[in-house]
C-alpha atoms as a PDB file:
ATOM      1  CA  UNK A   1     -26.890 -24.005   6.199  1.00  0.00           C
ATOM      2  CA  UNK A   2     -26.299 -20.696   8.007  1.00  0.00           C
ATOM      3  CA  UNK A   3     -22.624 -21.550   8.458  1.00  0.00           C
ATOM      4  CA  UNK A   4     -22.250 -21.991   4.714  1.00  0.00           C
ATOM      5  CA  UNK A   5     -23.924 -18.653   4.024  1.00  0.00           C
ATOM      6  CA  UNK A   6     -21.674 -16.861   6.516  1.00  0.00           C
ATOM      7  CA  UNK A   7     -18.624 -18.542   4.976  1.00  0.00           C
ATOM      8  CA  UNK A   8     -19.737 -17.563   1.477  1.00  0.00           C
ATOM      9  CA  UNK A   9     -20.353 -13.956   2.554  1.00  0.00           C
ATOM     10  CA  UNK A  10     -16.898 -13.795   4.174  1.00  0.00           C
ATOM     11  CA  UNK A  11     -15.242 -15.228   1.066  1.00  0.00           C
ATOM     12  CA  UNK A  12     -17.000 -12.703  -1.182  1.00  0.00           C
ATOM     13  CA  UNK A  13     -16.031  -9.813   1.114  1.00  0.00           C
ATOM     14  CA  UNK A  14     -12.372 -10.880   1.198  1.00  0.00           C
ATOM     15  CA  UNK A  15     -12.307 -11.313  -2.577  1.00  0.00           C
ATOM     16  CA  UNK A  16     -13.714  -7.809  -3.048  1.00  0.00           C
ATOM     17  CA  UNK A  17     -11.127  -6.309  -0.695  1.00  0.00           C
ATOM     18  CA  UNK A  18      -8.348  -8.200  -2.469  1.00  0.00           C
ATOM     19  CA  UNK A  19      -9.505  -6.900  -5.842  1.00  0.00           C
ATOM     20  CA  UNK A  20      -9.576  -3.312  -4.561  1.00  0.00           C
ATOM     21  CA  UNK A  21      -6.043  -3.337  -3.106  1.00  0.00           C
ATOM     22  CA  UNK A  22      -4.153  -2.783  -6.406  1.00  0.00           C
ATOM     23  CA  UNK A  23      -6.512   0.042  -7.351  1.00  0.00           C
ATOM     24  CA  UNK A  24      -5.957   1.789  -4.023  1.00  0.00           C
ATOM     25  CA  UNK A  25      -2.197   1.399  -4.385  1.00  0.00           C
ATOM     26  CA  UNK A  26      -2.313   2.852  -7.902  1.00  0.00           C
ATOM     27  CA  UNK A  27      -4.160   5.926  -6.643  1.00  0.00           C
ATOM     28  CA  UNK A  28      -1.474   6.707  -4.055  1.00  0.00           C
ATOM     29  CA  UNK A  29       0.902   9.268  -5.554  1.00  0.00           C
ATOM     30  CA  UNK A  30       4.457   7.964  -5.794  1.00  0.00           C
ATOM     31  CA  UNK A  31       7.577  10.107  -5.736  1.00  0.00           C
ATOM     32  CA  UNK A  32      11.094   9.387  -6.919  1.00  0.00           C
ATOM     33  CA  UNK A  33      14.058   8.838  -4.624  1.00  0.00           C
ATOM     34  CA  UNK A  34      15.671  12.201  -5.323  1.00  0.00           C
ATOM     35  CA  UNK A  35      12.485  14.059  -4.404  1.00  0.00           C
ATOM     36  CA  UNK A  36      12.413  12.155  -1.108  1.00  0.00           C
ATOM     37  CA  UNK A  37      16.028  13.073  -0.318  1.00  0.00           C
ATOM     38  CA  UNK A  38      15.486  16.703  -1.371  1.00  0.00           C
ATOM     39  CA  UNK A  39      12.542  16.850   1.052  1.00  0.00           C
ATOM     40  CA  UNK A  40      14.791  15.800   3.938  1.00  0.00           C
ATOM     41  CA  UNK A  41      13.924  12.088   3.981  1.00  0.00           C
ATOM     42  CA  UNK A  42      15.709   8.829   3.280  1.00  0.00           C
ATOM     43  CA  UNK A  43      14.760   6.035   0.896  1.00  0.00           C
ATOM     44  CA  UNK A  44      14.297   2.727   2.697  1.00  0.00           C
ATOM     45  CA  UNK A  45      13.053  -0.737   1.749  1.00  0.00           C
ATOM     46  CA  UNK A  46       9.968  -1.887   3.610  1.00  0.00           C
ATOM     47  CA  UNK A  47      10.064  -5.670   3.643  1.00  0.00           C
ATOM     48  CA  UNK A  48       6.479  -6.102   4.861  1.00  0.00           C
ATOM     49  CA  UNK A  49       5.145  -4.427   1.708  1.00  0.00           C
ATOM     50  CA  UNK A  50       8.021  -5.407  -0.551  1.00  0.00           C
ATOM     51  CA  UNK A  51       8.486  -1.850  -1.762  1.00  0.00           C
ATOM     52  CA  UNK A  52      10.569   1.278  -1.260  1.00  0.00           C
ATOM     53  CA  UNK A  53       9.233   4.184   0.795  1.00  0.00           C
ATOM     54  CA  UNK A  54      10.374   7.620   1.899  1.00  0.00           C
ATOM     55  CA  UNK A  55      11.084   7.851   5.625  1.00  0.00           C
ATOM     56  CA  UNK A  56      11.033  11.226   7.432  1.00  0.00           C
ATOM     57  CA  UNK A  57      11.075  14.610   5.748  1.00  0.00           C
ATOM     58  CA  UNK A  58       8.290  16.192   3.726  1.00  0.00           C
ATOM     59  CA  UNK A  59       7.246  12.936   2.030  1.00  0.00           C
ATOM     60  CA  UNK A  60       7.257  10.571   5.032  1.00  0.00           C
ATOM     61  CA  UNK A  61       5.509   7.303   4.198  1.00  0.00           C
ATOM     62  CA  UNK A  62       5.100   7.985   0.472  1.00  0.00           C
ATOM     63  CA  UNK A  63       5.894   5.110  -1.895  1.00  0.00           C
ATOM     64  CA  UNK A  64       8.937   5.480  -4.131  1.00  0.00           C
ATOM     65  CA  UNK A  65       8.294   5.138  -7.857  1.00  0.00           C
END
C-alpha cells in the first residue's frame, strides 16, 4: 500500500512539474537574432532543447524569438 502511495505522489509531482514547464518558458524574455548579433553574440541551434539561443555577447543563453 505504501509503495502505491509513493508512486502516486511521484506521478502527481512529475505531472505538476510538466505542466509548469511551458509557463516558465513563456516567462523567459526572448530576443530576436539581430539583437543577439548586435550584442556581440551568435545565433545557434540547441538540439537538446530544440530551439535557437544566443551564444556569447550581452544576451548569452537567451532564447531567440
